[in-house]
Amino acid sequence: MGNELATRTGSASAREQSVLAMLRALVPSRALSAGEALRIAELQANHLLRHFAIETNAVPEEIISELPRIVVVREDGLPVSGAAHWNGHYWVITVNAEEPTVRQRFSVMHEFKHVLDHTTKQFLYHDRPFQTADEQAERVADYFAACLLMPKRVVKRLWCQGNQNLVELAKTLFVSTRALHYRLDQLGLLEPAERCGRSLGHPRRPLVAPAGGRG
């Protein structure tokens, strides 16, 4: 029984390492610009979605919460939306249970990006005249969460199929209307002209949650 448990534990660790290693390997071992950090965040989100073959409009939180050695905890009275730490055995992502479920989902994805960045942040984030390294890390984590919960191709497909009621579209994607509005603006879909006729390249600007919180 002990050997069987050890085998299962070892396999779980290997699966976790394979997913984390796959995503972390997308970060070049050199100092990156702010724009490059954002592009890598989107690349990581897209790789994760492809890895788990996610085809639903609403991305399941389980792609993070069911990874081996990652535990998602919901806690009342948390002074922030979320936090992540390594407890010596596994990563603990804690989110504020008093916030709406859609915001909790955003926080889980946001904090997972911090987990990903644990071994690569020295390449991704640097103090700059317009932003500290910590501020940039938060901004990129928001962007990663938006890319993961609202993939560009999915959002564009739904929007251009006529799903342009923000409340209903937010329900379809299981996100907040505020986060969706920022994502649509970021992707250029709120522009009156050619919003469904042109292909979407790099984002016009990163998703930055308004003051008072993300998601």
N, C-alpha and C. Protein backbone atom coordinates (compact mmCIF):
# COMPACT_ATOMS: atom_id res chain seq x y z
N MET A 1 0.83 -1.21 0.00
CA MET A 1 0.00 0.00 0.00
C MET A 1 0.87 1.26 0.00
N GLY A 2 1.94 1.18 0.79
CA GLY A 2 2.84 2.33 0.85
C GLY A 2 3.49 2.61 -0.48
N ASN A 3 3.90 1.55 -1.18
CA ASN A 3 4.52 1.72 -2.48
C ASN A 3 3.53 2.29 -3.49
N GLU A 4 2.28 1.80 -3.41
CA GLU A 4 1.25 2.30 -4.32
C GLU A 4 1.00 3.78 -4.11
N LEU A 5 0.93 4.19 -2.82
CA LEU A 5 0.73 5.61 -2.50
C LEU A 5 1.89 6.44 -2.99
N ALA A 6 3.10 5.93 -2.79
CA ALA A 6 4.29 6.66 -3.24
C ALA A 6 4.28 6.81 -4.75
N THR A 7 3.84 5.77 -5.45
CA THR A 7 3.77 5.83 -6.91
C THR A 7 2.77 6.88 -7.36
N ARG A 8 1.58 6.89 -6.70
CA ARG A 8 0.57 7.88 -7.07
C ARG A 8 1.06 9.29 -6.78
N THR A 9 1.70 9.46 -5.64
CA THR A 9 2.21 10.79 -5.27
C THR A 9 3.28 11.24 -6.25
N GLY A 10 4.16 10.30 -6.60
CA GLY A 10 5.22 10.64 -7.55
C GLY A 10 4.66 11.00 -8.91
N SER A 11 3.62 10.26 -9.36
CA SER A 11 3.00 10.55 -10.65
C SER A 11 2.33 11.91 -10.63
N ALA A 12 1.65 12.23 -9.51
CA ALA A 12 1.01 13.54 -9.39
C ALA A 12 2.03 14.65 -9.46
N SER A 13 3.15 14.46 -8.76
CA SER A 13 4.21 15.46 -8.78
C SER A 13 4.76 15.64 -10.18
N ALA A 14 4.91 14.53 -10.90
CA ALA A 14 5.43 14.60 -12.27
C ALA A 14 4.47 15.35 -13.18
N ARG A 15 3.15 15.11 -13.00
CA ARG A 15 2.16 15.81 -13.83
C ARG A 15 2.18 17.30 -13.54
N GLU A 16 2.28 17.65 -12.26
CA GLU A 16 2.34 19.06 -11.89
C GLU A 16 3.56 19.71 -12.51
N GLN A 17 4.69 19.03 -12.36
CA GLN A 17 5.92 19.59 -12.88
C GLN A 17 5.86 19.73 -14.39
N SER A 18 5.19 18.77 -15.06
CA SER A 18 5.13 18.85 -16.52
C SER A 18 4.33 20.06 -16.97
N VAL A 19 3.20 20.35 -16.29
CA VAL A 19 2.39 21.50 -16.65
C VAL A 19 3.12 22.79 -16.30
N LEU A 20 3.61 22.89 -15.07
CA LEU A 20 4.32 24.10 -14.67
C LEU A 20 5.58 24.30 -15.50
N ALA A 21 6.32 23.21 -15.72
CA ALA A 21 7.55 23.31 -16.51
C ALA A 21 7.25 23.73 -17.94
N MET A 22 6.18 23.19 -18.51
CA MET A 22 5.78 23.55 -19.87
C MET A 22 5.51 25.05 -19.98
N LEU A 23 4.78 25.59 -19.02
CA LEU A 23 4.41 27.00 -19.06
C LEU A 23 5.59 27.90 -18.72
N ARG A 24 6.39 27.48 -17.75
CA ARG A 24 7.55 28.29 -17.37
C ARG A 24 8.61 28.30 -18.47
N ALA A 25 8.67 27.23 -19.24
CA ALA A 25 9.66 27.14 -20.32
C ALA A 25 9.39 28.14 -21.44
N LEU A 26 8.21 28.73 -21.45
CA LEU A 26 7.88 29.73 -22.47
C LEU A 26 8.55 31.07 -22.19
N VAL A 27 9.14 31.21 -21.00
CA VAL A 27 9.80 32.46 -20.62
C VAL A 27 11.28 32.39 -20.99
N PRO A 28 11.75 33.24 -21.90
CA PRO A 28 13.18 33.25 -22.24
C PRO A 28 14.04 33.64 -21.03
N SER A 29 15.23 33.11 -20.96
CA SER A 29 16.14 33.40 -19.84
C SER A 29 16.93 34.67 -20.11
N ARG A 30 16.21 35.77 -20.19
CA ARG A 30 16.81 37.09 -20.40
C ARG A 30 15.83 38.14 -19.90
N ALA A 31 16.34 39.34 -19.70
CA ALA A 31 15.45 40.42 -19.27
C ALA A 31 14.45 40.74 -20.38
N LEU A 32 13.18 40.82 -20.02
CA LEU A 32 12.11 41.03 -20.99
C LEU A 32 11.48 42.40 -20.84
N SER A 33 10.98 42.91 -21.93
CA SER A 33 10.27 44.19 -21.88
C SER A 33 8.88 43.97 -21.31
N ALA A 34 8.23 45.08 -20.97
CA ALA A 34 6.86 44.98 -20.43
C ALA A 34 5.92 44.36 -21.44
N GLY A 35 6.08 44.72 -22.70
CA GLY A 35 5.24 44.15 -23.75
C GLY A 35 5.47 42.66 -23.92
N GLU A 36 6.73 42.24 -23.83
CA GLU A 36 7.04 40.81 -23.94
C GLU A 36 6.43 40.03 -22.79
N ALA A 37 6.44 40.59 -21.60
CA ALA A 37 5.85 39.90 -20.44
C ALA A 37 4.36 39.66 -20.65
N LEU A 38 3.67 40.64 -21.25
CA LEU A 38 2.25 40.48 -21.54
C LEU A 38 2.02 39.41 -22.60
N ARG A 39 2.83 39.43 -23.64
CA ARG A 39 2.67 38.44 -24.71
C ARG A 39 2.92 37.02 -24.20
N ILE A 40 3.89 36.86 -23.31
CA ILE A 40 4.18 35.55 -22.74
C ILE A 40 3.02 35.09 -21.86
N ALA A 41 2.41 36.02 -21.12
CA ALA A 41 1.26 35.67 -20.29
C ALA A 41 0.12 35.11 -21.15
N GLU A 42 -0.13 35.74 -22.27
CA GLU A 42 -1.19 35.24 -23.17
C GLU A 42 -0.79 33.89 -23.76
N LEU A 43 0.47 33.75 -24.11
CA LEU A 43 0.95 32.48 -24.64
C LEU A 43 0.78 31.36 -23.62
N GLN A 44 1.11 31.64 -22.37
CA GLN A 44 0.95 30.64 -21.31
C GLN A 44 -0.53 30.26 -21.13
N ALA A 45 -1.40 31.24 -21.16
CA ALA A 45 -2.83 30.97 -21.03
C ALA A 45 -3.32 30.09 -22.17
N ASN A 46 -2.90 30.40 -23.38
CA ASN A 46 -3.33 29.63 -24.54
C ASN A 46 -2.78 28.20 -24.50
N HIS A 47 -1.54 28.05 -24.07
CA HIS A 47 -0.96 26.71 -23.96
C HIS A 47 -1.71 25.87 -22.92
N LEU A 48 -2.09 26.51 -21.82
CA LEU A 48 -2.81 25.78 -20.77
C LEU A 48 -4.18 25.33 -21.28
N LEU A 49 -4.86 26.19 -22.01
CA LEU A 49 -6.16 25.83 -22.58
C LEU A 49 -6.03 24.68 -23.58
N ARG A 50 -5.00 24.74 -24.41
CA ARG A 50 -4.79 23.66 -25.38
C ARG A 50 -4.39 22.36 -24.70
N HIS A 51 -3.58 22.46 -23.66
CA HIS A 51 -3.11 21.28 -22.95
C HIS A 51 -4.28 20.46 -22.39
N PHE A 52 -5.28 21.16 -21.88
CA PHE A 52 -6.44 20.48 -21.31
C PHE A 52 -7.61 20.40 -22.29
N ALA A 53 -7.36 20.81 -23.54
CA ALA A 53 -8.38 20.72 -24.59
C ALA A 53 -9.71 21.34 -24.15
N ILE A 54 -9.63 22.56 -23.62
CA ILE A 54 -10.84 23.25 -23.14
C ILE A 54 -11.63 23.75 -24.34
N GLU A 55 -12.87 23.31 -24.45
CA GLU A 55 -13.72 23.71 -25.58
C GLU A 55 -14.98 24.43 -25.13
N THR A 56 -15.23 24.47 -23.83
CA THR A 56 -16.42 25.15 -23.32
C THR A 56 -16.22 26.66 -23.32
N ASN A 57 -17.32 27.39 -23.42
CA ASN A 57 -17.22 28.85 -23.37
C ASN A 57 -16.73 29.32 -22.02
N ALA A 58 -17.26 28.73 -20.95
CA ALA A 58 -16.83 29.06 -19.60
C ALA A 58 -15.68 28.12 -19.21
N VAL A 59 -14.51 28.68 -19.01
CA VAL A 59 -13.34 27.89 -18.68
C VAL A 59 -13.47 27.37 -17.25
N PRO A 60 -13.36 26.06 -17.04
CA PRO A 60 -13.53 25.53 -15.68
C PRO A 60 -12.36 25.89 -14.78
N GLU A 61 -12.69 26.28 -13.56
CA GLU A 61 -11.65 26.61 -12.57
C GLU A 61 -10.77 25.40 -12.28
N GLU A 62 -11.29 24.20 -12.52
CA GLU A 62 -10.58 22.97 -12.20
C GLU A 62 -9.27 22.80 -12.97
N ILE A 63 -9.09 23.54 -14.07
CA ILE A 63 -7.81 23.41 -14.77
C ILE A 63 -6.66 23.91 -13.89
N ILE A 64 -7.01 24.69 -12.87
CA ILE A 64 -6.01 25.13 -11.89
C ILE A 64 -6.19 24.34 -10.59
N SER A 65 -7.41 24.31 -10.07
CA SER A 65 -7.64 23.77 -8.73
C SER A 65 -7.39 22.27 -8.63
N GLU A 66 -7.44 21.54 -9.76
CA GLU A 66 -7.22 20.11 -9.70
C GLU A 66 -5.81 19.71 -10.13
N LEU A 67 -4.95 20.69 -10.35
CA LEU A 67 -3.54 20.35 -10.59
C LEU A 67 -2.94 19.76 -9.32
N PRO A 68 -2.12 18.74 -9.44
CA PRO A 68 -1.48 18.18 -8.24
C PRO A 68 -0.66 19.24 -7.52
N ARG A 69 -0.68 19.17 -6.21
CA ARG A 69 0.12 20.04 -5.33
C ARG A 69 -0.25 21.51 -5.48
N ILE A 70 -1.49 21.75 -5.91
CA ILE A 70 -2.06 23.09 -5.86
C ILE A 70 -3.42 22.98 -5.18
N VAL A 71 -3.61 23.73 -4.13
CA VAL A 71 -4.85 23.70 -3.36
C VAL A 71 -5.47 25.09 -3.38
N VAL A 72 -6.75 25.15 -3.74
CA VAL A 72 -7.47 26.41 -3.72
C VAL A 72 -8.34 26.45 -2.47
N VAL A 73 -8.18 27.50 -1.68
CA VAL A 73 -8.91 27.66 -0.42
C VAL A 73 -9.73 28.93 -0.49
N ARG A 74 -10.98 28.85 -0.05
CA ARG A 74 -11.82 30.03 0.05
C ARG A 74 -11.97 30.39 1.53
N GLU A 75 -11.69 31.65 1.82
CA GLU A 75 -11.62 32.07 3.23
C GLU A 75 -12.39 33.36 3.44
N ASP A 76 -13.22 33.39 4.46
CA ASP A 76 -13.95 34.61 4.82
C ASP A 76 -13.02 35.62 5.47
N GLY A 77 -13.32 36.88 5.27
CA GLY A 77 -12.59 37.94 5.96
C GLY A 77 -11.20 38.22 5.42
N LEU A 78 -10.87 37.68 4.26
CA LEU A 78 -9.55 37.94 3.68
C LEU A 78 -9.45 39.42 3.31
N PRO A 79 -8.38 40.10 3.69
CA PRO A 79 -8.29 41.55 3.42
C PRO A 79 -8.00 41.88 1.96
N VAL A 80 -7.68 40.87 1.15
CA VAL A 80 -7.40 41.07 -0.27
C VAL A 80 -8.25 40.09 -1.06
N SER A 81 -8.24 40.24 -2.39
CA SER A 81 -9.03 39.32 -3.23
C SER A 81 -8.42 37.93 -3.27
N GLY A 82 -7.09 37.86 -3.21
CA GLY A 82 -6.45 36.55 -3.26
C GLY A 82 -4.98 36.63 -2.89
N ALA A 83 -4.40 35.47 -2.64
CA ALA A 83 -2.98 35.38 -2.30
C ALA A 83 -2.52 33.96 -2.63
N ALA A 84 -1.21 33.79 -2.80
CA ALA A 84 -0.65 32.46 -3.07
C ALA A 84 0.65 32.30 -2.30
N HIS A 85 0.87 31.10 -1.77
CA HIS A 85 2.14 30.83 -1.09
C HIS A 85 2.45 29.34 -1.14
N TRP A 86 3.72 29.00 -1.04
CA TRP A 86 4.19 27.63 -0.97
C TRP A 86 4.33 27.27 0.51
N ASN A 87 3.66 26.20 0.94
CA ASN A 87 3.69 25.87 2.37
C ASN A 87 4.72 24.79 2.71
N GLY A 88 5.59 24.50 1.76
CA GLY A 88 6.61 23.49 1.98
C GLY A 88 6.25 22.15 1.36
N HIS A 89 4.97 21.99 1.01
CA HIS A 89 4.50 20.74 0.42
C HIS A 89 3.72 20.98 -0.87
N TYR A 90 2.98 22.07 -0.92
CA TYR A 90 2.19 22.39 -2.10
C TYR A 90 1.87 23.89 -2.11
N TRP A 91 1.41 24.35 -3.28
CA TRP A 91 1.00 25.74 -3.42
C TRP A 91 -0.41 25.93 -2.90
N VAL A 92 -0.62 26.96 -2.11
CA VAL A 92 -1.95 27.29 -1.59
C VAL A 92 -2.39 28.61 -2.21
N ILE A 93 -3.48 28.55 -2.94
CA ILE A 93 -4.10 29.76 -3.50
C ILE A 93 -5.33 30.05 -2.66
N THR A 94 -5.33 31.17 -1.98
CA THR A 94 -6.44 31.55 -1.11
C THR A 94 -7.19 32.71 -1.73
N VAL A 95 -8.51 32.59 -1.82
CA VAL A 95 -9.33 33.67 -2.38
C VAL A 95 -10.39 34.08 -1.37
N ASN A 96 -10.85 35.30 -1.52
CA ASN A 96 -11.82 35.88 -0.60
C ASN A 96 -13.21 35.31 -0.86
N ALA A 97 -13.71 34.50 0.08
CA ALA A 97 -15.00 33.83 -0.08
C ALA A 97 -16.18 34.79 -0.04
N GLU A 98 -15.94 36.03 0.42
CA GLU A 98 -17.03 36.99 0.53
C GLU A 98 -17.25 37.75 -0.78
N GLU A 99 -16.37 37.57 -1.74
CA GLU A 99 -16.53 38.23 -3.03
C GLU A 99 -17.37 37.36 -3.96
N PRO A 100 -17.96 37.96 -5.00
CA PRO A 100 -18.78 37.17 -5.94
C PRO A 100 -17.96 36.03 -6.56
N THR A 101 -18.66 34.96 -6.91
CA THR A 101 -17.99 33.78 -7.46
C THR A 101 -17.17 34.11 -8.70
N VAL A 102 -17.70 34.98 -9.56
CA VAL A 102 -16.96 35.32 -10.78
C VAL A 102 -15.65 36.01 -10.45
N ARG A 103 -15.65 36.81 -9.41
CA ARG A 103 -14.41 37.48 -9.02
C ARG A 103 -13.44 36.50 -8.37
N GLN A 104 -13.98 35.54 -7.62
CA GLN A 104 -13.13 34.51 -7.05
C GLN A 104 -12.43 33.71 -8.15
N ARG A 105 -13.16 33.38 -9.22
CA ARG A 105 -12.56 32.65 -10.34
C ARG A 105 -11.42 33.45 -10.96
N PHE A 106 -11.63 34.75 -11.12
CA PHE A 106 -10.59 35.61 -11.67
C PHE A 106 -9.37 35.62 -10.75
N SER A 107 -9.62 35.67 -9.45
CA SER A 107 -8.53 35.69 -8.48
C SER A 107 -7.72 34.39 -8.50
N VAL A 108 -8.40 33.26 -8.67
CA VAL A 108 -7.69 31.98 -8.76
C VAL A 108 -6.71 32.00 -9.93
N MET A 109 -7.18 32.45 -11.09
CA MET A 109 -6.32 32.49 -12.28
C MET A 109 -5.18 33.51 -12.09
N HIS A 110 -5.52 34.64 -11.51
CA HIS A 110 -4.52 35.69 -11.23
C HIS A 110 -3.42 35.14 -10.33
N GLU A 111 -3.80 34.49 -9.25
CA GLU A 111 -2.81 33.98 -8.30
C GLU A 111 -2.00 32.83 -8.90
N PHE A 112 -2.61 32.04 -9.77
CA PHE A 112 -1.86 30.97 -10.42
C PHE A 112 -0.73 31.55 -11.27
N LYS A 113 -0.95 32.70 -11.85
CA LYS A 113 0.13 33.35 -12.62
C LYS A 113 1.30 33.69 -11.71
N HIS A 114 1.03 34.11 -10.48
CA HIS A 114 2.12 34.36 -9.54
C HIS A 114 2.87 33.07 -9.22
N VAL A 115 2.13 31.95 -9.14
CA VAL A 115 2.79 30.66 -8.94
C VAL A 115 3.71 30.35 -10.12
N LEU A 116 3.21 30.54 -11.31
CA LEU A 116 4.02 30.32 -12.51
C LEU A 116 5.28 31.17 -12.49
N ASP A 117 5.13 32.41 -12.07
CA ASP A 117 6.23 33.38 -12.13
C ASP A 117 7.28 33.17 -11.04
N HIS A 118 7.03 32.26 -10.13
CA HIS A 118 7.91 32.10 -8.98
C HIS A 118 9.36 31.88 -9.40
N THR A 119 9.59 31.13 -10.46
CA THR A 119 10.96 30.82 -10.88
C THR A 119 11.45 31.68 -12.04
N THR A 120 10.59 32.56 -12.57
CA THR A 120 10.97 33.33 -13.76
C THR A 120 10.78 34.84 -13.60
N LYS A 121 10.35 35.28 -12.42
CA LYS A 121 10.03 36.71 -12.26
C LYS A 121 11.24 37.61 -12.45
N GLN A 122 12.45 37.06 -12.24
CA GLN A 122 13.65 37.87 -12.43
C GLN A 122 13.85 38.26 -13.90
N PHE A 123 13.26 37.50 -14.81
CA PHE A 123 13.33 37.83 -16.23
C PHE A 123 12.15 38.69 -16.67
N LEU A 124 11.01 38.51 -16.01
CA LEU A 124 9.78 39.14 -16.46
C LEU A 124 9.58 40.57 -15.97
N TYR A 125 9.97 40.84 -14.73
CA TYR A 125 9.58 42.10 -14.12
C TYR A 125 10.79 42.87 -13.58
N HIS A 126 10.80 44.15 -13.87
CA HIS A 126 11.90 45.02 -13.44
C HIS A 126 11.33 46.39 -13.11
N ASP A 127 11.91 47.06 -12.16
CA ASP A 127 11.49 48.43 -11.87
C ASP A 127 11.74 49.29 -13.10
N ARG A 128 10.72 50.03 -13.48
CA ARG A 128 10.82 50.92 -14.65
C ARG A 128 10.37 52.31 -14.23
N PRO A 129 10.68 53.32 -15.02
CA PRO A 129 10.29 54.68 -14.65
C PRO A 129 8.79 54.84 -14.43
N PHE A 130 7.99 54.06 -15.16
CA PHE A 130 6.54 54.22 -15.09
C PHE A 130 5.86 53.18 -14.21
N GLN A 131 6.61 52.20 -13.70
CA GLN A 131 5.97 51.11 -12.96
C GLN A 131 7.02 50.29 -12.21
N THR A 132 6.70 49.92 -10.97
CA THR A 132 7.61 49.04 -10.22
C THR A 132 7.46 47.61 -10.70
N ALA A 133 8.41 46.76 -10.34
CA ALA A 133 8.34 45.34 -10.71
C ALA A 133 7.09 44.70 -10.13
N ASP A 134 6.76 45.02 -8.89
CA ASP A 134 5.57 44.44 -8.26
C ASP A 134 4.29 44.89 -8.95
N GLU A 135 4.23 46.15 -9.33
CA GLU A 135 3.05 46.66 -10.04
C GLU A 135 2.90 45.97 -11.39
N GLN A 136 4.02 45.77 -12.06
CA GLN A 136 3.96 45.09 -13.36
C GLN A 136 3.50 43.65 -13.19
N ALA A 137 3.98 42.97 -12.16
CA ALA A 137 3.58 41.58 -11.91
C ALA A 137 2.07 41.49 -11.69
N GLU A 138 1.49 42.44 -10.98
CA GLU A 138 0.05 42.44 -10.76
C GLU A 138 -0.70 42.69 -12.06
N ARG A 139 -0.21 43.60 -12.84
CA ARG A 139 -0.84 43.93 -14.12
C ARG A 139 -0.84 42.72 -15.05
N VAL A 140 0.30 42.03 -15.12
CA VAL A 140 0.42 40.88 -16.01
C VAL A 140 -0.42 39.72 -15.50
N ALA A 141 -0.52 39.55 -14.18
CA ALA A 141 -1.36 38.50 -13.63
C ALA A 141 -2.83 38.74 -13.97
N ASP A 142 -3.26 39.99 -13.95
CA ASP A 142 -4.62 40.33 -14.38
C ASP A 142 -4.81 39.97 -15.85
N TYR A 143 -3.81 40.29 -16.65
CA TYR A 143 -3.91 40.01 -18.08
C TYR A 143 -3.96 38.51 -18.34
N PHE A 144 -3.14 37.74 -17.64
CA PHE A 144 -3.16 36.29 -17.77
C PHE A 144 -4.54 35.74 -17.42
N ALA A 145 -5.11 36.20 -16.33
CA ALA A 145 -6.43 35.73 -15.91
C ALA A 145 -7.48 36.06 -16.97
N ALA A 146 -7.39 37.25 -17.56
CA ALA A 146 -8.34 37.64 -18.60
C ALA A 146 -8.19 36.76 -19.83
N CYS A 147 -6.94 36.49 -20.22
CA CYS A 147 -6.70 35.65 -21.39
C CYS A 147 -7.18 34.22 -21.16
N LEU A 148 -7.08 33.75 -19.93
CA LEU A 148 -7.46 32.38 -19.61
C LEU A 148 -8.98 32.24 -19.52
N LEU A 149 -9.64 33.18 -18.86
CA LEU A 149 -11.09 33.10 -18.68
C LEU A 149 -11.86 33.62 -19.89
N MET A 150 -11.25 34.50 -20.65
CA MET A 150 -11.90 35.09 -21.82
C MET A 150 -10.97 35.01 -23.02
N PRO A 151 -10.72 33.79 -23.54
CA PRO A 151 -9.78 33.64 -24.66
C PRO A 151 -10.21 34.48 -25.85
N LYS A 152 -9.23 35.07 -26.49
CA LYS A 152 -9.50 36.01 -27.57
C LYS A 152 -10.42 35.43 -28.64
N ARG A 153 -10.11 34.21 -29.11
CA ARG A 153 -10.90 33.62 -30.19
C ARG A 153 -12.33 33.31 -29.74
N VAL A 154 -12.49 32.87 -28.52
CA VAL A 154 -13.83 32.56 -28.01
C VAL A 154 -14.65 33.83 -27.88
N VAL A 155 -14.06 34.86 -27.31
CA VAL A 155 -14.79 36.12 -27.13
C VAL A 155 -15.16 36.72 -28.47
N LYS A 156 -14.23 36.70 -29.41
CA LYS A 156 -14.54 37.27 -30.73
C LYS A 156 -15.63 36.48 -31.43
N ARG A 157 -15.56 35.14 -31.34
CA ARG A 157 -16.57 34.30 -31.99
C ARG A 157 -17.96 34.60 -31.42
N LEU A 158 -18.07 34.62 -30.10
CA LEU A 158 -19.36 34.86 -29.48
C LEU A 158 -19.89 36.26 -29.81
N TRP A 159 -19.00 37.23 -29.72
CA TRP A 159 -19.39 38.62 -29.97
C TRP A 159 -19.89 38.80 -31.40
N CYS A 160 -19.16 38.21 -32.35
CA CYS A 160 -19.50 38.40 -33.76
C CYS A 160 -20.65 37.50 -34.21
N GLN A 161 -21.05 36.56 -33.36
CA GLN A 161 -22.26 35.79 -33.61
C GLN A 161 -23.50 36.52 -33.12
N GLY A 162 -23.29 37.70 -32.54
CA GLY A 162 -24.41 38.51 -32.09
C GLY A 162 -24.64 38.52 -30.60
N ASN A 163 -23.76 37.87 -29.85
CA ASN A 163 -23.89 37.84 -28.39
C ASN A 163 -23.27 39.10 -27.80
N GLN A 164 -23.97 40.23 -27.94
CA GLN A 164 -23.39 41.51 -27.57
C GLN A 164 -24.10 42.18 -26.39
N ASN A 165 -24.92 41.40 -25.70
CA ASN A 165 -25.48 41.86 -24.43
C ASN A 165 -24.46 41.50 -23.36
N LEU A 166 -23.86 42.52 -22.73
CA LEU A 166 -22.74 42.27 -21.81
C LEU A 166 -23.14 41.38 -20.64
N VAL A 167 -24.34 41.57 -20.11
CA VAL A 167 -24.77 40.78 -18.96
C VAL A 167 -24.88 39.31 -19.35
N GLU A 168 -25.51 39.04 -20.49
CA GLU A 168 -25.69 37.66 -20.93
C GLU A 168 -24.36 37.03 -21.36
N LEU A 169 -23.53 37.81 -22.02
CA LEU A 169 -22.23 37.27 -22.45
C LEU A 169 -21.35 36.98 -21.24
N ALA A 170 -21.41 37.83 -20.22
CA ALA A 170 -20.65 37.58 -19.00
C ALA A 170 -21.12 36.28 -18.33
N LYS A 171 -22.43 36.02 -18.36
CA LYS A 171 -22.95 34.77 -17.80
C LYS A 171 -22.44 33.57 -18.59
N THR A 172 -22.39 33.71 -19.91
CA THR A 172 -21.92 32.62 -20.77
C THR A 172 -20.47 32.27 -20.45
N LEU A 173 -19.66 33.31 -20.23
CA LEU A 173 -18.23 33.11 -19.96
C LEU A 173 -17.95 32.90 -18.47
N PHE A 174 -18.96 33.11 -17.64
CA PHE A 174 -18.85 33.01 -16.18
C PHE A 174 -17.78 33.96 -15.66
N VAL A 175 -17.90 35.23 -16.04
CA VAL A 175 -17.02 36.29 -15.59
C VAL A 175 -17.87 37.49 -15.19
N SER A 176 -17.26 38.48 -14.57
CA SER A 176 -18.00 39.69 -14.21
C SER A 176 -18.18 40.57 -15.44
N THR A 177 -19.23 41.39 -15.42
CA THR A 177 -19.44 42.30 -16.55
C THR A 177 -18.32 43.33 -16.62
N ARG A 178 -17.78 43.71 -15.49
CA ARG A 178 -16.68 44.68 -15.49
C ARG A 178 -15.44 44.11 -16.18
N ALA A 179 -15.08 42.87 -15.82
CA ALA A 179 -13.92 42.24 -16.46
C ALA A 179 -14.16 42.05 -17.95
N LEU A 180 -15.39 41.66 -18.31
CA LEU A 180 -15.71 41.46 -19.73
C LEU A 180 -15.61 42.77 -20.50
N HIS A 181 -16.12 43.85 -19.91
CA HIS A 181 -16.05 45.15 -20.60
C HIS A 181 -14.61 45.53 -20.90
N TYR A 182 -13.73 45.36 -19.92
CA TYR A 182 -12.32 45.69 -20.14
C TYR A 182 -11.70 44.79 -21.20
N ARG A 183 -12.08 43.51 -21.20
CA ARG A 183 -11.54 42.58 -22.18
C ARG A 183 -12.02 42.93 -23.59
N LEU A 184 -13.29 43.27 -23.74
CA LEU A 184 -13.82 43.67 -25.04
C LEU A 184 -13.14 44.93 -25.55
N ASP A 185 -12.95 45.89 -24.65
CA ASP A 185 -12.27 47.13 -25.03
C ASP A 185 -10.83 46.85 -25.42
N GLN A 186 -10.19 45.98 -24.67
CA GLN A 186 -8.81 45.61 -24.92
C GLN A 186 -8.64 44.96 -26.29
N LEU A 187 -9.62 44.14 -26.68
CA LEU A 187 -9.56 43.43 -27.95
C LEU A 187 -10.07 44.27 -29.11
N GLY A 188 -10.53 45.48 -28.82
CA GLY A 188 -11.01 46.36 -29.89
C GLY A 188 -12.42 46.06 -30.34
N LEU A 189 -13.15 45.22 -29.62
CA LEU A 189 -14.49 44.84 -30.05
C LEU A 189 -15.55 45.88 -29.73
N LEU A 190 -15.20 46.87 -28.93
CA LEU A 190 -16.16 47.94 -28.65
C LEU A 190 -16.04 49.08 -29.63
N GLU A 191 -15.06 48.99 -30.53
CA GLU A 191 -14.92 50.01 -31.57
C GLU A 191 -16.06 49.86 -32.57
N PRO A 192 -16.65 50.96 -33.03
CA PRO A 192 -17.83 50.86 -33.89
C PRO A 192 -17.55 50.29 -35.28
N ALA A 193 -16.33 50.44 -35.77
CA ALA A 193 -16.04 50.03 -37.15
C ALA A 193 -15.15 48.80 -37.18
N GLU A 194 -15.48 47.85 -38.05
CA GLU A 194 -14.65 46.70 -38.38
C GLU A 194 -14.35 45.81 -37.17
N ARG A 195 -15.17 45.86 -36.17
CA ARG A 195 -14.84 45.11 -34.96
C ARG A 195 -14.95 43.61 -35.15
N CYS A 196 -15.75 43.16 -36.12
CA CYS A 196 -15.86 41.72 -36.37
C CYS A 196 -15.23 41.31 -37.69
N GLY A 197 -14.71 42.26 -38.43
CA GLY A 197 -14.18 41.93 -39.74
C GLY A 197 -12.70 41.70 -39.79
N ARG A 198 -11.97 42.18 -38.79
CA ARG A 198 -10.52 42.07 -38.83
C ARG A 198 -10.04 41.02 -37.83
N SER A 199 -8.91 40.42 -38.15
CA SER A 199 -8.33 39.45 -37.23
C SER A 199 -7.70 40.18 -36.07
N LEU A 200 -7.61 39.50 -34.95
CA LEU A 200 -7.09 40.13 -33.74
C LEU A 200 -5.64 39.73 -33.55
N GLY A 201 -4.77 40.72 -33.53
CA GLY A 201 -3.36 40.44 -33.28
C GLY A 201 -3.05 40.66 -31.83
N HIS A 202 -1.98 41.35 -31.54
CA HIS A 202 -1.62 41.63 -30.16
C HIS A 202 -2.63 42.60 -29.56
N PRO A 203 -2.83 42.54 -28.25
CA PRO A 203 -3.81 43.42 -27.61
C PRO A 203 -3.44 44.88 -27.77
N ARG A 204 -4.49 45.72 -27.87
CA ARG A 204 -4.23 47.16 -27.98
C ARG A 204 -3.63 47.70 -26.70
N ARG A 205 -4.12 47.21 -25.60
CA ARG A 205 -3.57 47.60 -24.30
C ARG A 205 -3.92 46.52 -23.30
N PRO A 206 -3.14 46.38 -22.24
CA PRO A 206 -3.42 45.31 -21.27
C PRO A 206 -4.66 45.59 -20.45
N LEU A 207 -5.31 44.51 -20.03
CA LEU A 207 -6.46 44.68 -19.15
C LEU A 207 -5.98 45.13 -17.79
N VAL A 208 -6.47 46.26 -17.37
CA VAL A 208 -6.13 46.77 -16.04
C VAL A 208 -7.42 46.99 -15.30
N ALA A 209 -7.63 46.28 -14.22
CA ALA A 209 -8.86 46.41 -13.46
C ALA A 209 -8.94 47.81 -12.85
N PRO A 210 -10.15 48.37 -12.78
CA PRO A 210 -10.30 49.70 -12.18
C PRO A 210 -9.93 49.67 -10.71
N ALA A 211 -9.70 50.86 -10.18
CA ALA A 211 -9.32 50.97 -8.78
C ALA A 211 -10.37 50.32 -7.90
N GLY A 212 -9.89 49.63 -6.87
CA GLY A 212 -10.83 48.99 -5.96
C GLY A 212 -10.83 47.48 -6.09
N GLY A 213 -10.08 46.95 -7.05
CA GLY A 213 -10.01 45.50 -7.15
C GLY A 213 -10.05 45.03 -8.59
N ARG A 214 -9.80 43.74 -8.76
CA ARG A 214 -9.76 43.17 -10.09
C ARG A 214 -10.99 42.29 -10.30
N GLY A 215 -11.27 42.01 -11.57
CA GLY A 215 -12.37 41.10 -11.90
C GLY A 215 -13.71 41.69 -11.61
